[in-house]
Amino acid sequence: MPIPIEAVPDDTLDARGLACPIPFLLTRKRLAAMPAGALLLVLADDPRAADDMAAIAETGDCQLIDARVCDGINRFTIRKLAERR
């Protein structure tokens, strides 16, 4: 299901200035604390962040809704699909 551009995330994780694997680890931790259906916006400037967010989405318990670069900052919108088992 597409998320409108103006959709407001339930939480924002500012991982700017942090190097891999810290944005990956912080994103997993934040998602684990969120309910199913919630949206998380992740801001990151690490060049490997796109690969990290894709790997998180491949776990099957969340979906990468949007990935874009704005003013040199990666912005990832992730929807949590289910509780981790």
PDB file of N, CA and C in Angstrom:
ATOM      1  N   MET A   1       0.843  -1.171   0.000  1.00  0.00           N
ATOM      2  CA  MET A   1       0.000   0.000   0.000  1.00  0.00           C
ATOM      3  C   MET A   1       0.894   1.242   0.000  1.00  0.00           C
ATOM      4  N   PRO A   2       0.742   2.129  -0.972  1.00  0.00           N
ATOM      5  CA  PRO A   2       1.579   3.325  -1.038  1.00  0.00           C
ATOM      6  C   PRO A   2       1.296   4.270   0.130  1.00  0.00           C
ATOM      7  N   ILE A   3       2.341   4.944   0.557  1.00  0.00           N
ATOM      8  CA  ILE A   3       2.229   5.941   1.619  1.00  0.00           C
ATOM      9  C   ILE A   3       2.312   7.314   0.956  1.00  0.00           C
ATOM     10  N   PRO A   4       1.337   8.175   1.220  1.00  0.00           N
ATOM     11  CA  PRO A   4       1.414   9.510   0.620  1.00  0.00           C
ATOM     12  C   PRO A   4       2.654  10.254   1.111  1.00  0.00           C
ATOM     13  N   ILE A   5       3.187  11.103   0.253  1.00  0.00           N
ATOM     14  CA  ILE A   5       4.364  11.904   0.580  1.00  0.00           C
ATOM     15  C   ILE A   5       4.160  12.650   1.889  1.00  0.00           C
ATOM     16  N   GLU A   6       2.942  13.135   2.140  1.00  0.00           N
ATOM     17  CA  GLU A   6       2.694  13.936   3.328  1.00  0.00           C
ATOM     18  C   GLU A   6       2.423  13.100   4.579  1.00  0.00           C
ATOM     19  N   ALA A   7       2.551  11.782   4.479  1.00  0.00           N
ATOM     20  CA  ALA A   7       2.331  10.922   5.641  1.00  0.00           C
ATOM     21  C   ALA A   7       3.311  11.309   6.750  1.00  0.00           C
ATOM     22  N   VAL A   8       2.786  11.393   7.952  1.00  0.00           N
ATOM     23  CA  VAL A   8       3.599  11.788   9.094  1.00  0.00           C
ATOM     24  C   VAL A   8       4.101  10.536   9.798  1.00  0.00           C
ATOM     25  N   PRO A   9       5.418  10.419   9.974  1.00  0.00           N
ATOM     26  CA  PRO A   9       5.941   9.233  10.666  1.00  0.00           C
ATOM     27  C   PRO A   9       5.542   9.252  12.143  1.00  0.00           C
ATOM     28  N   ASP A  10       5.458   8.067  12.718  1.00  0.00           N
ATOM     29  CA  ASP A  10       5.168   7.948  14.142  1.00  0.00           C
ATOM     30  C   ASP A  10       6.389   8.283  14.983  1.00  0.00           C
ATOM     31  N   ASP A  11       7.574   8.114  14.406  1.00  0.00           N
ATOM     32  CA  ASP A  11       8.811   8.381  15.127  1.00  0.00           C
ATOM     33  C   ASP A  11       9.900   8.711  14.110  1.00  0.00           C
ATOM     34  N   THR A  12      10.907   9.453  14.555  1.00  0.00           N
ATOM     35  CA  THR A  12      12.044   9.808  13.703  1.00  0.00           C
ATOM     36  C   THR A  12      13.333   9.422  14.414  1.00  0.00           C
ATOM     37  N   LEU A  13      14.212   8.776  13.676  1.00  0.00           N
ATOM     38  CA  LEU A  13      15.534   8.421  14.179  1.00  0.00           C
ATOM     39  C   LEU A  13      16.563   9.239  13.412  1.00  0.00           C
ATOM     40  N   ASP A  14      17.264  10.115  14.105  1.00  0.00           N
ATOM     41  CA  ASP A  14      18.288  10.939  13.486  1.00  0.00           C
ATOM     42  C   ASP A  14      19.641  10.249  13.688  1.00  0.00           C
ATOM     43  N   ALA A  15      20.104   9.577  12.644  1.00  0.00           N
ATOM     44  CA  ALA A  15      21.380   8.852  12.707  1.00  0.00           C
ATOM     45  C   ALA A  15      22.469   9.585  11.927  1.00  0.00           C
ATOM     46  N   ARG A  16      22.265  10.872  11.661  1.00  0.00           N
ATOM     47  CA  ARG A  16      23.282  11.644  10.944  1.00  0.00           C
ATOM     48  C   ARG A  16      24.554  11.716  11.780  1.00  0.00           C
ATOM     49  N   GLY A  17      25.683  11.581  11.095  1.00  0.00           N
ATOM     50  CA  GLY A  17      26.974  11.645  11.765  1.00  0.00           C
ATOM     51  C   GLY A  17      27.433  10.318  12.342  1.00  0.00           C
ATOM     52  N   LEU A  18      26.607   9.288  12.217  1.00  0.00           N
ATOM     53  CA  LEU A  18      26.953   7.967  12.744  1.00  0.00           C
ATOM     54  C   LEU A  18      27.357   7.046  11.606  1.00  0.00           C
ATOM     55  N   ALA A  19      28.408   6.278  11.823  1.00  0.00           N
ATOM     56  CA  ALA A  19      28.925   5.373  10.786  1.00  0.00           C
ATOM     57  C   ALA A  19      28.352   3.971  10.971  1.00  0.00           C
ATOM     58  N   CYS A  20      28.319   3.235   9.878  1.00  0.00           N
ATOM     59  CA  CYS A  20      27.886   1.850   9.870  1.00  0.00           C
ATOM     60  C   CYS A  20      28.720   1.058  10.879  1.00  0.00           C
ATOM     61  N   PRO A  21      28.125   0.232  11.674  1.00  0.00           N
ATOM     62  CA  PRO A  21      26.781  -0.313  11.645  1.00  0.00           C
ATOM     63  C   PRO A  21      25.811   0.375  12.618  1.00  0.00           C
ATOM     64  N   ILE A  22      26.191   1.512  13.194  1.00  0.00           N
ATOM     65  CA  ILE A  22      25.357   2.145  14.214  1.00  0.00           C
ATOM     66  C   ILE A  22      23.960   2.515  13.699  1.00  0.00           C
ATOM     67  N   PRO A  23      23.795   3.152  12.525  1.00  0.00           N
ATOM     68  CA  PRO A  23      22.431   3.433  12.054  1.00  0.00           C
ATOM     69  C   PRO A  23      21.583   2.164  11.905  1.00  0.00           C
ATOM     70  N   PHE A  24      22.197   1.093  11.417  1.00  0.00           N
ATOM     71  CA  PHE A  24      21.505  -0.194  11.282  1.00  0.00           C
ATOM     72  C   PHE A  24      21.024  -0.689  12.647  1.00  0.00           C
ATOM     73  N   LEU A  25      21.924  -0.688  13.622  1.00  0.00           N
ATOM     74  CA  LEU A  25      21.578  -1.199  14.955  1.00  0.00           C
ATOM     75  C   LEU A  25      20.526  -0.339  15.642  1.00  0.00           C
ATOM     76  N   LEU A  26      20.649   0.982  15.530  1.00  0.00           N
ATOM     77  CA  LEU A  26      19.668   1.869  16.146  1.00  0.00           C
ATOM     78  C   LEU A  26      18.295   1.738  15.485  1.00  0.00           C
ATOM     79  N   THR A  27      18.281   1.549  14.173  1.00  0.00           N
ATOM     80  CA  THR A  27      17.015   1.380  13.455  1.00  0.00           C
ATOM     81  C   THR A  27      16.323   0.094  13.889  1.00  0.00           C
ATOM     82  N   ARG A  28      17.077  -1.006  13.989  1.00  0.00           N
ATOM     83  CA  ARG A  28      16.484  -2.280  14.433  1.00  0.00           C
ATOM     84  C   ARG A  28      15.904  -2.142  15.838  1.00  0.00           C
ATOM     85  N   LYS A  29      16.649  -1.470  16.721  1.00  0.00           N
ATOM     86  CA  LYS A  29      16.190  -1.301  18.099  1.00  0.00           C
ATOM     87  C   LYS A  29      14.923  -0.449  18.158  1.00  0.00           C
ATOM     88  N   ARG A  30      14.907   0.635  17.396  1.00  0.00           N
ATOM     89  CA  ARG A  30      13.733   1.516  17.405  1.00  0.00           C
ATOM     90  C   ARG A  30      12.514   0.803  16.839  1.00  0.00           C
ATOM     91  N   LEU A  31      12.697   0.059  15.739  1.00  0.00           N
ATOM     92  CA  LEU A  31      11.581  -0.689  15.159  1.00  0.00           C
ATOM     93  C   LEU A  31      11.045  -1.743  16.121  1.00  0.00           C
ATOM     94  N   ALA A  32      11.922  -2.376  16.863  1.00  0.00           N
ATOM     95  CA  ALA A  32      11.494  -3.410  17.812  1.00  0.00           C
ATOM     96  C   ALA A  32      10.566  -2.835  18.878  1.00  0.00           C
ATOM     97  N   ALA A  33      10.725  -1.557  19.192  1.00  0.00           N
ATOM     98  CA  ALA A  33       9.911  -0.927  20.228  1.00  0.00           C
ATOM     99  C   ALA A  33       8.604  -0.342  19.685  1.00  0.00           C
ATOM    100  N   MET A  34       8.425  -0.384  18.373  1.00  0.00           N
ATOM    101  CA  MET A  34       7.240   0.221  17.751  1.00  0.00           C
ATOM    102  C   MET A  34       6.169  -0.826  17.479  1.00  0.00           C
ATOM    103  N   PRO A  35       4.892  -0.414  17.487  1.00  0.00           N
ATOM    104  CA  PRO A  35       3.817  -1.352  17.175  1.00  0.00           C
ATOM    105  C   PRO A  35       3.718  -1.618  15.668  1.00  0.00           C
ATOM    106  N   ALA A  36       3.110  -2.721  15.310  1.00  0.00           N
ATOM    107  CA  ALA A  36       2.888  -3.046  13.897  1.00  0.00           C
ATOM    108  C   ALA A  36       2.082  -1.928  13.248  1.00  0.00           C
ATOM    109  N   GLY A  37       2.460  -1.576  12.026  1.00  0.00           N
ATOM    110  CA  GLY A  37       1.776  -0.529  11.284  1.00  0.00           C
ATOM    111  C   GLY A  37       2.399   0.848  11.444  1.00  0.00           C
ATOM    112  N   ALA A  38       3.285   1.016  12.409  1.00  0.00           N
ATOM    113  CA  ALA A  38       3.907   2.320  12.660  1.00  0.00           C
ATOM    114  C   ALA A  38       4.923   2.656  11.576  1.00  0.00           C
ATOM    115  N   LEU A  39       5.103   3.954  11.350  1.00  0.00           N
ATOM    116  CA  LEU A  39       6.076   4.450  10.384  1.00  0.00           C
ATOM    117  C   LEU A  39       7.257   5.076  11.111  1.00  0.00           C
ATOM    118  N   LEU A  40       8.455   4.724  10.676  1.00  0.00           N
ATOM    119  CA  LEU A  40       9.683   5.281  11.221  1.00  0.00           C
ATOM    120  C   LEU A  40      10.420   6.019  10.108  1.00  0.00           C
ATOM    121  N   LEU A  41      10.790   7.266  10.366  1.00  0.00           N
ATOM    122  CA  LEU A  41      11.627   8.030   9.447  1.00  0.00           C
ATOM    123  C   LEU A  41      13.048   7.972   9.976  1.00  0.00           C
ATOM    124  N   VAL A  42      13.981   7.519   9.132  1.00  0.00           N
ATOM    125  CA  VAL A  42      15.390   7.445   9.503  1.00  0.00           C
ATOM    126  C   VAL A  42      16.159   8.447   8.657  1.00  0.00           C
ATOM    127  N   LEU A  43      16.931   9.309   9.323  1.00  0.00           N
ATOM    128  CA  LEU A  43      17.809  10.263   8.657  1.00  0.00           C
ATOM    129  C   LEU A  43      19.236   9.777   8.849  1.00  0.00           C
ATOM    130  N   ALA A  44      19.983   9.649   7.758  1.00  0.00           N
ATOM    131  CA  ALA A  44      21.348   9.145   7.848  1.00  0.00           C
ATOM    132  C   ALA A  44      22.196   9.747   6.737  1.00  0.00           C
ATOM    133  N   ASP A  45      23.471   9.979   7.051  1.00  0.00           N
ATOM    134  CA  ASP A  45      24.369  10.487   6.018  1.00  0.00           C
ATOM    135  C   ASP A  45      25.518   9.517   5.717  1.00  0.00           C
ATOM    136  N   ASP A  46      25.500   8.352   6.337  1.00  0.00           N
ATOM    137  CA  ASP A  46      26.496   7.320   6.041  1.00  0.00           C
ATOM    138  C   ASP A  46      26.221   6.784   4.633  1.00  0.00           C
ATOM    139  N   PRO A  47      27.233   6.710   3.777  1.00  0.00           N
ATOM    140  CA  PRO A  47      27.013   6.230   2.411  1.00  0.00           C
ATOM    141  C   PRO A  47      26.483   4.792   2.344  1.00  0.00           C
ATOM    142  N   ARG A  48      26.683   4.000   3.395  1.00  0.00           N
ATOM    143  CA  ARG A  48      26.203   2.613   3.395  1.00  0.00           C
ATOM    144  C   ARG A  48      24.802   2.471   3.976  1.00  0.00           C
ATOM    145  N   ALA A  49      24.191   3.573   4.345  1.00  0.00           N
ATOM    146  CA  ALA A  49      22.877   3.519   4.979  1.00  0.00           C
ATOM    147  C   ALA A  49      21.818   2.881   4.074  1.00  0.00           C
ATOM    148  N   ALA A  50      21.885   3.137   2.779  1.00  0.00           N
ATOM    149  CA  ALA A  50      20.891   2.561   1.866  1.00  0.00           C
ATOM    150  C   ALA A  50      20.949   1.033   1.891  1.00  0.00           C
ATOM    151  N   ASP A  51      22.146   0.479   1.913  1.00  0.00           N
ATOM    152  CA  ASP A  51      22.289  -0.977   1.989  1.00  0.00           C
ATOM    153  C   ASP A  51      21.770  -1.505   3.328  1.00  0.00           C
ATOM    154  N   ASP A  52      22.042  -0.760   4.400  1.00  0.00           N
ATOM    155  CA  ASP A  52      21.568  -1.164   5.727  1.00  0.00           C
ATOM    156  C   ASP A  52      20.047  -1.200   5.783  1.00  0.00           C
ATOM    157  N   MET A  53      19.399  -0.164   5.274  1.00  0.00           N
ATOM    158  CA  MET A  53      17.933  -0.105   5.339  1.00  0.00           C
ATOM    159  C   MET A  53      17.298  -1.175   4.453  1.00  0.00           C
ATOM    160  N   ALA A  54      17.933  -1.467   3.316  1.00  0.00           N
ATOM    161  CA  ALA A  54      17.436  -2.543   2.456  1.00  0.00           C
ATOM    162  C   ALA A  54      17.548  -3.883   3.177  1.00  0.00           C
ATOM    163  N   ALA A  55      18.634  -4.089   3.903  1.00  0.00           N
ATOM    164  CA  ALA A  55      18.816  -5.334   4.656  1.00  0.00           C
ATOM    165  C   ALA A  55      17.770  -5.464   5.758  1.00  0.00           C
ATOM    166  N   ILE A  56      17.448  -4.364   6.411  1.00  0.00           N
ATOM    167  CA  ILE A  56      16.414  -4.398   7.447  1.00  0.00           C
ATOM    168  C   ILE A  56      15.074  -4.780   6.836  1.00  0.00           C
ATOM    169  N   ALA A  57      14.763  -4.221   5.685  1.00  0.00           N
ATOM    170  CA  ALA A  57      13.489  -4.519   5.025  1.00  0.00           C
ATOM    171  C   ALA A  57      13.407  -5.979   4.586  1.00  0.00           C
ATOM    172  N   GLU A  58      14.538  -6.582   4.273  1.00  0.00           N
ATOM    173  CA  GLU A  58      14.545  -7.971   3.817  1.00  0.00           C
ATOM    174  C   GLU A  58      14.215  -8.965   4.932  1.00  0.00           C
ATOM    175  N   THR A  59      14.199  -8.524   6.185  1.00  0.00           N
ATOM    176  CA  THR A  59      13.874  -9.432   7.285  1.00  0.00           C
ATOM    177  C   THR A  59      12.428  -9.879   7.240  1.00  0.00           C
ATOM    178  N   GLY A  60      11.576  -9.108   6.559  1.00  0.00           N
ATOM    179  CA  GLY A  60      10.177  -9.486   6.407  1.00  0.00           C
ATOM    180  C   GLY A  60       9.252  -8.914   7.461  1.00  0.00           C
ATOM    181  N   ASP A  61       9.801  -8.293   8.508  1.00  0.00           N
ATOM    182  CA  ASP A  61       8.916  -7.734   9.526  1.00  0.00           C
ATOM    183  C   ASP A  61       8.746  -6.227   9.366  1.00  0.00           C
ATOM    184  N   CYS A  62       9.327  -5.665   8.304  1.00  0.00           N
ATOM    185  CA  CYS A  62       9.110  -4.258   7.996  1.00  0.00           C
ATOM    186  C   CYS A  62       9.252  -4.051   6.494  1.00  0.00           C
ATOM    187  N   GLN A  63       8.821  -2.872   6.041  1.00  0.00           N
ATOM    188  CA  GLN A  63       8.812  -2.573   4.613  1.00  0.00           C
ATOM    189  C   GLN A  63       9.430  -1.199   4.404  1.00  0.00           C
ATOM    190  N   LEU A  64      10.370  -1.104   3.483  1.00  0.00           N
ATOM    191  CA  LEU A  64      10.964   0.178   3.118  1.00  0.00           C
ATOM    192  C   LEU A  64       9.982   0.866   2.168  1.00  0.00           C
ATOM    193  N   ILE A  65       9.303   1.883   2.675  1.00  0.00           N
ATOM    194  CA  ILE A  65       8.265   2.574   1.925  1.00  0.00           C
ATOM    195  C   ILE A  65       8.842   3.603   0.968  1.00  0.00           C
ATOM    196  N   ASP A  66       9.862   4.318   1.436  1.00  0.00           N
ATOM    197  CA  ASP A  66      10.426   5.399   0.633  1.00  0.00           C
ATOM    198  C   ASP A  66      11.898   5.572   0.987  1.00  0.00           C
ATOM    199  N   ALA A  67      12.699   5.854  -0.008  1.00  0.00           N
ATOM    200  CA  ALA A  67      14.114   6.155   0.191  1.00  0.00           C
ATOM    201  C   ALA A  67      14.471   7.272  -0.773  1.00  0.00           C
ATOM    202  N   ARG A  68      14.970   8.357  -0.215  1.00  0.00           N
ATOM    203  CA  ARG A  68      15.345   9.491  -1.053  1.00  0.00           C
ATOM    204  C   ARG A  68      16.463  10.260  -0.395  1.00  0.00           C
ATOM    205  N   VAL A  69      17.124  11.097  -1.185  1.00  0.00           N
ATOM    206  CA  VAL A  69      18.180  11.957  -0.670  1.00  0.00           C
ATOM    207  C   VAL A  69      17.699  13.395  -0.798  1.00  0.00           C
ATOM    208  N   CYS A  70      17.732  14.117   0.309  1.00  0.00           N
ATOM    209  CA  CYS A  70      17.345  15.525   0.343  1.00  0.00           C
ATOM    210  C   CYS A  70      18.490  16.314   0.973  1.00  0.00           C
ATOM    211  N   ASP A  71      19.060  17.236   0.225  1.00  0.00           N
ATOM    212  CA  ASP A  71      20.167  18.065   0.718  1.00  0.00           C
ATOM    213  C   ASP A  71      21.309  17.222   1.287  1.00  0.00           C
ATOM    214  N   GLY A  72      21.610  16.114   0.627  1.00  0.00           N
ATOM    215  CA  GLY A  72      22.719  15.263   1.037  1.00  0.00           C
ATOM    216  C   GLY A  72      22.417  14.321   2.190  1.00  0.00           C
ATOM    217  N   ILE A  73      21.182  14.310   2.666  1.00  0.00           N
ATOM    218  CA  ILE A  73      20.780  13.438   3.770  1.00  0.00           C
ATOM    219  C   ILE A  73      19.850  12.355   3.236  1.00  0.00           C
ATOM    220  N   ASN A  74      20.177  11.104   3.530  1.00  0.00           N
ATOM    221  CA  ASN A  74      19.294   9.990   3.176  1.00  0.00           C
ATOM    222  C   ASN A  74      18.099  10.004   4.107  1.00  0.00           C
ATOM    223  N   ARG A  75      16.900   9.864   3.536  1.00  0.00           N
ATOM    224  CA  ARG A  75      15.655   9.813   4.305  1.00  0.00           C
ATOM    225  C   ARG A  75      14.952   8.504   3.947  1.00  0.00           C
ATOM    226  N   PHE A  76      14.784   7.655   4.931  1.00  0.00           N
ATOM    227  CA  PHE A  76      14.153   6.359   4.729  1.00  0.00           C
ATOM    228  C   PHE A  76      12.876   6.305   5.554  1.00  0.00           C
ATOM    229  N   THR A  77      11.770   5.943   4.923  1.00  0.00           N
ATOM    230  CA  THR A  77      10.522   5.727   5.648  1.00  0.00           C
ATOM    231  C   THR A  77      10.270   4.232   5.677  1.00  0.00           C
ATOM    232  N   ILE A  78      10.157   3.693   6.886  1.00  0.00           N
ATOM    233  CA  ILE A  78      10.013   2.250   7.080  1.00  0.00           C
ATOM    234  C   ILE A  78       8.732   1.989   7.852  1.00  0.00           C
ATOM    235  N   ARG A  79       7.933   1.036   7.366  1.00  0.00           N
ATOM    236  CA  ARG A  79       6.718   0.629   8.071  1.00  0.00           C
ATOM    237  C   ARG A  79       6.982  -0.712   8.757  1.00  0.00           C
ATOM    238  N   LYS A  80       6.676  -0.777  10.030  1.00  0.00           N
ATOM    239  CA  LYS A  80       6.782  -2.062  10.737  1.00  0.00           C
ATOM    240  C   LYS A  80       5.537  -2.870  10.406  1.00  0.00           C
ATOM    241  N   LEU A  81       5.730  -4.074   9.912  1.00  0.00           N
ATOM    242  CA  LEU A  81       4.624  -4.927   9.490  1.00  0.00           C
ATOM    243  C   LEU A  81       4.125  -5.838  10.593  1.00  0.00           C
ATOM    244  N   ALA A  82       5.012  -6.362  11.400  1.00  0.00           N
ATOM    245  CA  ALA A  82       4.606  -7.345  12.415  1.00  0.00           C
ATOM    246  C   ALA A  82       5.590  -7.323  13.568  1.00  0.00           C
ATOM    247  N   GLU A  83       5.145  -7.867  14.673  1.00  0.00           N
ATOM    248  CA  GLU A  83       6.040  -8.010  15.810  1.00  0.00           C
ATOM    249  C   GLU A  83       7.057  -9.091  15.506  1.00  0.00           C
ATOM    250  N   ARG A  84       8.301  -8.915  15.953  1.00  0.00           N
ATOM    251  CA  ARG A  84       9.336  -9.934  15.755  1.00  0.00           C
ATOM    252  C   ARG A  84       9.043 -11.128  16.634  1.00  0.00           C
ATOM    253  N   ARG A  85       9.301 -12.289  16.098  1.00  0.00           N
ATOM    254  CA  ARG A  85       9.075 -13.536  16.857  1.00  0.00           C
ATOM    255  C   ARG A  85      10.359 -14.140  17.278  1.00  0.00           C
TER     256      ARG A  85
END
